[in-house]
Amino acid sequence: MTEVKLKKGESVDKALRKLKKKMLKEDVLGEYRKRKNYEKPSKKNYKEMRRKKYNQRNRSIEEAKYWG
């Protein structure tokens, strides 16, 4: 659990900013989103392969335009 301790006379806004920075650094929200929307490994691999094929297709089209 991420905690931020307030010093005497410190504003709540400053504490919230500190908390937000700490959470970003620890990637708390990213981990939460991953766990909330679990994706099977086979589905993850499928998406990754589709992404790679898409990028490769775009690269080869750009290369063909460049060379001729």
PDB file of N, CA and C in Angstrom:
ATOM      1  N   MET A   1       0.847  -1.178   0.000  1.00  0.00           N
ATOM      2  CA  MET A   1       0.000   0.000   0.000  1.00  0.00           C
ATOM      3  C   MET A   1       0.890   1.238   0.000  1.00  0.00           C
ATOM      4  N   THR A   2       0.589   2.156  -0.869  1.00  0.00           N
ATOM      5  CA  THR A   2       1.360   3.384  -0.979  1.00  0.00           C
ATOM      6  C   THR A   2       0.861   4.392   0.045  1.00  0.00           C
ATOM      7  N   GLU A   3       1.802   4.976   0.771  1.00  0.00           N
ATOM      8  CA  GLU A   3       1.453   5.949   1.799  1.00  0.00           C
ATOM      9  C   GLU A   3       2.249   7.226   1.623  1.00  0.00           C
ATOM     10  N   VAL A   4       1.622   8.326   1.992  1.00  0.00           N
ATOM     11  CA  VAL A   4       2.300   9.612   2.028  1.00  0.00           C
ATOM     12  C   VAL A   4       1.996  10.236   3.373  1.00  0.00           C
ATOM     13  N   LYS A   5       3.033  10.611   4.081  1.00  0.00           N
ATOM     14  CA  LYS A   5       2.838  11.216   5.400  1.00  0.00           C
ATOM     15  C   LYS A   5       2.875  12.726   5.271  1.00  0.00           C
ATOM     16  N   LEU A   6       1.914  13.365   5.895  1.00  0.00           N
ATOM     17  CA  LEU A   6       1.844  14.822   5.879  1.00  0.00           C
ATOM     18  C   LEU A   6       2.728  15.400   6.983  1.00  0.00           C
ATOM     19  N   LYS A   7       3.433  16.447   6.623  1.00  0.00           N
ATOM     20  CA  LYS A   7       4.223  17.161   7.623  1.00  0.00           C
ATOM     21  C   LYS A   7       3.326  18.247   8.218  1.00  0.00           C
ATOM     22  N   LYS A   8       3.735  18.762   9.316  1.00  0.00           N
ATOM     23  CA  LYS A   8       2.948  19.781   9.980  1.00  0.00           C
ATOM     24  C   LYS A   8       2.835  21.017   9.063  1.00  0.00           C
ATOM     25  N   GLY A   9       1.609  21.443   8.811  1.00  0.00           N
ATOM     26  CA  GLY A   9       1.377  22.622   7.991  1.00  0.00           C
ATOM     27  C   GLY A   9       1.387  22.354   6.494  1.00  0.00           C
ATOM     28  N   GLU A  10       1.560  21.101   6.081  1.00  0.00           N
ATOM     29  CA  GLU A  10       1.583  20.772   4.652  1.00  0.00           C
ATOM     30  C   GLU A  10       0.155  20.665   4.124  1.00  0.00           C
ATOM     31  N   SER A  11      -0.072  21.201   2.920  1.00  0.00           N
ATOM     32  CA  SER A  11      -1.427  21.191   2.369  1.00  0.00           C
ATOM     33  C   SER A  11      -1.776  19.812   1.809  1.00  0.00           C
ATOM     34  N   VAL A  12      -3.059  19.575   1.718  1.00  0.00           N
ATOM     35  CA  VAL A  12      -3.554  18.304   1.190  1.00  0.00           C
ATOM     36  C   VAL A  12      -3.228  18.196  -0.298  1.00  0.00           C
ATOM     37  N   ASP A  13      -3.282  19.315  -1.025  1.00  0.00           N
ATOM     38  CA  ASP A  13      -2.970  19.298  -2.453  1.00  0.00           C
ATOM     39  C   ASP A  13      -1.549  18.805  -2.710  1.00  0.00           C
ATOM     40  N   LYS A  14      -0.622  19.277  -1.885  1.00  0.00           N
ATOM     41  CA  LYS A  14       0.773  18.863  -2.029  1.00  0.00           C
ATOM     42  C   LYS A  14       0.912  17.363  -1.750  1.00  0.00           C
ATOM     43  N   ALA A  15       0.194  16.887  -0.748  1.00  0.00           N
ATOM     44  CA  ALA A  15       0.230  15.471  -0.408  1.00  0.00           C
ATOM     45  C   ALA A  15      -0.352  14.629  -1.539  1.00  0.00           C
ATOM     46  N   LEU A  16      -1.418  15.111  -2.170  1.00  0.00           N
ATOM     47  CA  LEU A  16      -2.010  14.386  -3.294  1.00  0.00           C
ATOM     48  C   LEU A  16      -1.049  14.317  -4.470  1.00  0.00           C
ATOM     49  N   ARG A  17      -0.324  15.404  -4.727  1.00  0.00           N
ATOM     50  CA  ARG A  17       0.668  15.400  -5.800  1.00  0.00           C
ATOM     51  C   ARG A  17       1.771  14.386  -5.515  1.00  0.00           C
ATOM     52  N   LYS A  18       2.225  14.339  -4.252  1.00  0.00           N
ATOM     53  CA  LYS A  18       3.246  13.370  -3.861  1.00  0.00           C
ATOM     54  C   LYS A  18       2.741  11.939  -4.063  1.00  0.00           C
ATOM     55  N   LEU A  19       1.493  11.709  -3.647  1.00  0.00           N
ATOM     56  CA  LEU A  19       0.900  10.383  -3.790  1.00  0.00           C
ATOM     57  C   LEU A  19       0.809   9.984  -5.257  1.00  0.00           C
ATOM     58  N   LYS A  20       0.388  10.900  -6.090  1.00  0.00           N
ATOM     59  CA  LYS A  20       0.257  10.622  -7.520  1.00  0.00           C
ATOM     60  C   LYS A  20       1.615  10.263  -8.135  1.00  0.00           C
ATOM     61  N   LYS A  21       2.659  11.022  -7.774  1.00  0.00           N
ATOM     62  CA  LYS A  21       4.007  10.745  -8.276  1.00  0.00           C
ATOM     63  C   LYS A  21       4.485   9.369  -7.827  1.00  0.00           C
ATOM     64  N   LYS A  22       4.226   9.060  -6.558  1.00  0.00           N
ATOM     65  CA  LYS A  22       4.645   7.776  -6.017  1.00  0.00           C
ATOM     66  C   LYS A  22       3.943   6.628  -6.733  1.00  0.00           C
ATOM     67  N   MET A  23       2.642   6.802  -6.984  1.00  0.00           N
ATOM     68  CA  MET A  23       1.873   5.758  -7.661  1.00  0.00           C
ATOM     69  C   MET A  23       2.342   5.572  -9.098  1.00  0.00           C
ATOM     70  N   LEU A  24       2.676   6.675  -9.782  1.00  0.00           N
ATOM     71  CA  LEU A  24       3.195   6.565 -11.138  1.00  0.00           C
ATOM     72  C   LEU A  24       4.530   5.836 -11.151  1.00  0.00           C
ATOM     73  N   LYS A  25       5.380   6.159 -10.189  1.00  0.00           N
ATOM     74  CA  LYS A  25       6.700   5.542 -10.104  1.00  0.00           C
ATOM     75  C   LYS A  25       6.584   4.041  -9.845  1.00  0.00           C
ATOM     76  N   GLU A  26       5.652   3.647  -8.996  1.00  0.00           N
ATOM     77  CA  GLU A  26       5.473   2.238  -8.647  1.00  0.00           C
ATOM     78  C   GLU A  26       4.566   1.510  -9.644  1.00  0.00           C
ATOM     79  N   ASP A  27       3.993   2.229 -10.596  1.00  0.00           N
ATOM     80  CA  ASP A  27       3.107   1.677 -11.629  1.00  0.00           C
ATOM     81  C   ASP A  27       1.914   0.934 -11.017  1.00  0.00           C
ATOM     82  N   VAL A  28       1.317   1.542 -10.026  1.00  0.00           N
ATOM     83  CA  VAL A  28       0.182   0.948  -9.326  1.00  0.00           C
ATOM     84  C   VAL A  28      -1.029   0.848 -10.252  1.00  0.00           C
ATOM     85  N   LEU A  29      -1.321   1.926 -10.975  1.00  0.00           N
ATOM     86  CA  LEU A  29      -2.498   1.920 -11.846  1.00  0.00           C
ATOM     87  C   LEU A  29      -2.335   0.961 -13.012  1.00  0.00           C
ATOM     88  N   GLY A  30      -1.131   0.862 -13.548  1.00  0.00           N
ATOM     89  CA  GLY A  30      -0.886  -0.075 -14.648  1.00  0.00           C
ATOM     90  C   GLY A  30      -1.120  -1.511 -14.214  1.00  0.00           C
ATOM     91  N   GLU A  31      -0.629  -1.827 -13.040  1.00  0.00           N
ATOM     92  CA  GLU A  31      -0.822  -3.172 -12.498  1.00  0.00           C
ATOM     93  C   GLU A  31      -2.303  -3.439 -12.242  1.00  0.00           C
ATOM     94  N   TYR A  32      -3.002  -2.439 -11.737  1.00  0.00           N
ATOM     95  CA  TYR A  32      -4.435  -2.584 -11.485  1.00  0.00           C
ATOM     96  C   TYR A  32      -5.179  -2.874 -12.783  1.00  0.00           C
ATOM     97  N   ARG A  33      -4.857  -2.139 -13.832  1.00  0.00           N
ATOM     98  CA  ARG A  33      -5.540  -2.336 -15.120  1.00  0.00           C
ATOM     99  C   ARG A  33      -5.247  -3.718 -15.692  1.00  0.00           C
ATOM    100  N   LYS A  34      -4.006  -4.182 -15.533  1.00  0.00           N
ATOM    101  CA  LYS A  34      -3.656  -5.515 -16.023  1.00  0.00           C
ATOM    102  C   LYS A  34      -4.452  -6.585 -15.291  1.00  0.00           C
ATOM    103  N   ARG A  35      -4.568  -6.429 -13.999  1.00  0.00           N
ATOM    104  CA  ARG A  35      -5.280  -7.437 -13.209  1.00  0.00           C
ATOM    105  C   ARG A  35      -6.797  -7.366 -13.426  1.00  0.00           C
ATOM    106  N   LYS A  36      -7.298  -6.173 -13.655  1.00  0.00           N
ATOM    107  CA  LYS A  36      -8.736  -6.000 -13.850  1.00  0.00           C
ATOM    108  C   LYS A  36      -9.181  -6.677 -15.144  1.00  0.00           C
ATOM    109  N   ASN A  37      -8.406  -6.504 -16.199  1.00  0.00           N
ATOM    110  CA  ASN A  37      -8.747  -7.064 -17.496  1.00  0.00           C
ATOM    111  C   ASN A  37      -7.761  -8.168 -17.837  1.00  0.00           C
ATOM    112  N   TYR A  38      -7.898  -9.294 -17.183  1.00  0.00           N
ATOM    113  CA  TYR A  38      -6.973 -10.393 -17.416  1.00  0.00           C
ATOM    114  C   TYR A  38      -7.086 -10.869 -18.853  1.00  0.00           C
ATOM    115  N   GLU A  39      -5.930 -11.139 -19.438  1.00  0.00           N
ATOM    116  CA  GLU A  39      -5.892 -11.615 -20.808  1.00  0.00           C
ATOM    117  C   GLU A  39      -5.113 -12.927 -20.832  1.00  0.00           C
ATOM    118  N   LYS A  40      -5.727 -13.939 -21.443  1.00  0.00           N
ATOM    119  CA  LYS A  40      -5.066 -15.233 -21.523  1.00  0.00           C
ATOM    120  C   LYS A  40      -3.770 -15.095 -22.310  1.00  0.00           C
ATOM    121  N   PRO A  41      -2.747 -15.872 -21.958  1.00  0.00           N
ATOM    122  CA  PRO A  41      -1.476 -15.785 -22.682  1.00  0.00           C
ATOM    123  C   PRO A  41      -1.624 -16.034 -24.179  1.00  0.00           C
ATOM    124  N   SER A  42      -2.489 -16.961 -24.564  1.00  0.00           N
ATOM    125  CA  SER A  42      -2.670 -17.235 -25.998  1.00  0.00           C
ATOM    126  C   SER A  42      -3.249 -16.013 -26.712  1.00  0.00           C
ATOM    127  N   LYS A  43      -4.170 -15.329 -26.070  1.00  0.00           N
ATOM    128  CA  LYS A  43      -4.766 -14.123 -26.645  1.00  0.00           C
ATOM    129  C   LYS A  43      -3.722 -13.004 -26.732  1.00  0.00           C
ATOM    130  N   LYS A  44      -2.877 -12.906 -25.705  1.00  0.00           N
ATOM    131  CA  LYS A  44      -1.823 -11.894 -25.680  1.00  0.00           C
ATOM    132  C   LYS A  44      -0.835 -12.128 -26.823  1.00  0.00           C
ATOM    133  N   ASN A  45      -0.444 -13.411 -27.022  1.00  0.00           N
ATOM    134  CA  ASN A  45       0.476 -13.745 -28.115  1.00  0.00           C
ATOM    135  C   ASN A  45      -0.152 -13.449 -29.466  1.00  0.00           C
ATOM    136  N   TYR A  46      -1.431 -13.757 -29.605  1.00  0.00           N
ATOM    137  CA  TYR A  46      -2.143 -13.498 -30.853  1.00  0.00           C
ATOM    138  C   TYR A  46      -2.133 -12.010 -31.178  1.00  0.00           C
ATOM    139  N   LYS A  47      -2.427 -11.177 -30.190  1.00  0.00           N
ATOM    140  CA  LYS A  47      -2.431  -9.729 -30.400  1.00  0.00           C
ATOM    141  C   LYS A  47      -1.041  -9.221 -30.764  1.00  0.00           C
ATOM    142  N   GLU A  48      -0.022  -9.762 -30.094  1.00  0.00           N
ATOM    143  CA  GLU A  48       1.341  -9.339 -30.372  1.00  0.00           C
ATOM    144  C   GLU A  48       1.752  -9.701 -31.797  1.00  0.00           C
ATOM    145  N   MET A  49       1.407 -10.904 -32.253  1.00  0.00           N
ATOM    146  CA  MET A  49       1.736 -11.316 -33.617  1.00  0.00           C
ATOM    147  C   MET A  49       1.007 -10.442 -34.640  1.00  0.00           C
ATOM    148  N   ARG A  50      -0.254 -10.120 -34.375  1.00  0.00           N
ATOM    149  CA  ARG A  50      -0.999  -9.248 -35.288  1.00  0.00           C
ATOM    150  C   ARG A  50      -0.356  -7.867 -35.360  1.00  0.00           C
ATOM    151  N   ARG A  51       0.073  -7.358 -34.221  1.00  0.00           N
ATOM    152  CA  ARG A  51       0.718  -6.046 -34.182  1.00  0.00           C
ATOM    153  C   ARG A  51       2.017  -6.070 -34.969  1.00  0.00           C
ATOM    154  N   LYS A  52       2.802  -7.144 -34.804  1.00  0.00           N
ATOM    155  CA  LYS A  52       4.070  -7.262 -35.519  1.00  0.00           C
ATOM    156  C   LYS A  52       3.843  -7.350 -37.028  1.00  0.00           C
ATOM    157  N   LYS A  53       2.841  -8.123 -37.437  1.00  0.00           N
ATOM    158  CA  LYS A  53       2.539  -8.243 -38.868  1.00  0.00           C
ATOM    159  C   LYS A  53       2.104  -6.898 -39.435  1.00  0.00           C
ATOM    160  N   TYR A  54       1.298  -6.176 -38.695  1.00  0.00           N
ATOM    161  CA  TYR A  54       0.829  -4.859 -39.130  1.00  0.00           C
ATOM    162  C   TYR A  54       2.005  -3.905 -39.315  1.00  0.00           C
ATOM    163  N   ASN A  55       2.897  -3.870 -38.337  1.00  0.00           N
ATOM    164  CA  ASN A  55       4.067  -2.992 -38.419  1.00  0.00           C
ATOM    165  C   ASN A  55       4.977  -3.390 -39.577  1.00  0.00           C
ATOM    166  N   GLN A  56       5.162  -4.693 -39.773  1.00  0.00           N
ATOM    167  CA  GLN A  56       6.005  -5.161 -40.866  1.00  0.00           C
ATOM    168  C   GLN A  56       5.411  -4.775 -42.218  1.00  0.00           C
ATOM    169  N   ARG A  57       4.100  -4.901 -42.344  1.00  0.00           N
ATOM    170  CA  ARG A  57       3.421  -4.540 -43.592  1.00  0.00           C
ATOM    171  C   ARG A  57       3.618  -3.051 -43.877  1.00  0.00           C
ATOM    172  N   ASN A  58       3.460  -2.220 -42.860  1.00  0.00           N
ATOM    173  CA  ASN A  58       3.661  -0.779 -43.038  1.00  0.00           C
ATOM    174  C   ASN A  58       5.103  -0.458 -43.402  1.00  0.00           C
ATOM    175  N   ARG A  59       6.061  -1.137 -42.763  1.00  0.00           N
ATOM    176  CA  ARG A  59       7.470  -0.901 -43.079  1.00  0.00           C
ATOM    177  C   ARG A  59       7.784  -1.274 -44.514  1.00  0.00           C
ATOM    178  N   SER A  60       7.252  -2.405 -44.986  1.00  0.00           N
ATOM    179  CA  SER A  60       7.554  -2.838 -46.343  1.00  0.00           C
ATOM    180  C   SER A  60       6.905  -1.908 -47.367  1.00  0.00           C
ATOM    181  N   ILE A  61       5.732  -1.366 -47.077  1.00  0.00           N
ATOM    182  CA  ILE A  61       5.085  -0.409 -47.980  1.00  0.00           C
ATOM    183  C   ILE A  61       5.923   0.864 -48.055  1.00  0.00           C
ATOM    184  N   GLU A  62       6.364   1.364 -46.911  1.00  0.00           N
ATOM    185  CA  GLU A  62       7.200   2.566 -46.882  1.00  0.00           C
ATOM    186  C   GLU A  62       8.531   2.319 -47.612  1.00  0.00           C
ATOM    187  N   GLU A  63       9.084   1.144 -47.440  1.00  0.00           N
ATOM    188  CA  GLU A  63      10.337   0.806 -48.098  1.00  0.00           C
ATOM    189  C   GLU A  63      10.143   0.760 -49.612  1.00  0.00           C
ATOM    190  N   ALA A  64       9.039   0.193 -50.067  1.00  0.00           N
ATOM    191  CA  ALA A  64       8.755   0.114 -51.499  1.00  0.00           C
ATOM    192  C   ALA A  64       8.590   1.521 -52.088  1.00  0.00           C
ATOM    193  N   LYS A  65       7.942   2.401 -51.350  1.00  0.00           N
ATOM    194  CA  LYS A  65       7.794   3.788 -51.811  1.00  0.00           C
ATOM    195  C   LYS A  65       9.149   4.465 -51.921  1.00  0.00           C
ATOM    196  N   TYR A  66      10.021   4.188 -50.972  1.00  0.00           N
ATOM    197  CA  TYR A  66      11.336   4.836 -50.938  1.00  0.00           C
ATOM    198  C   TYR A  66      12.204   4.361 -52.111  1.00  0.00           C
ATOM    199  N   TRP A  67      12.201   3.052 -52.340  1.00  0.00           N
ATOM    200  CA  TRP A  67      13.091   2.495 -53.357  1.00  0.00           C
ATOM    201  C   TRP A  67      12.471   2.510 -54.753  1.00  0.00           C
ATOM    202  N   GLY A  68      11.212   2.817 -54.806  1.00  0.00           N
ATOM    203  CA  GLY A  68      10.779   2.913 -56.097  1.00  0.00           C
ATOM    204  C   GLY A  68       9.657   2.747 -56.850  1.00  0.00           C
TER     205      GLY A  68
END
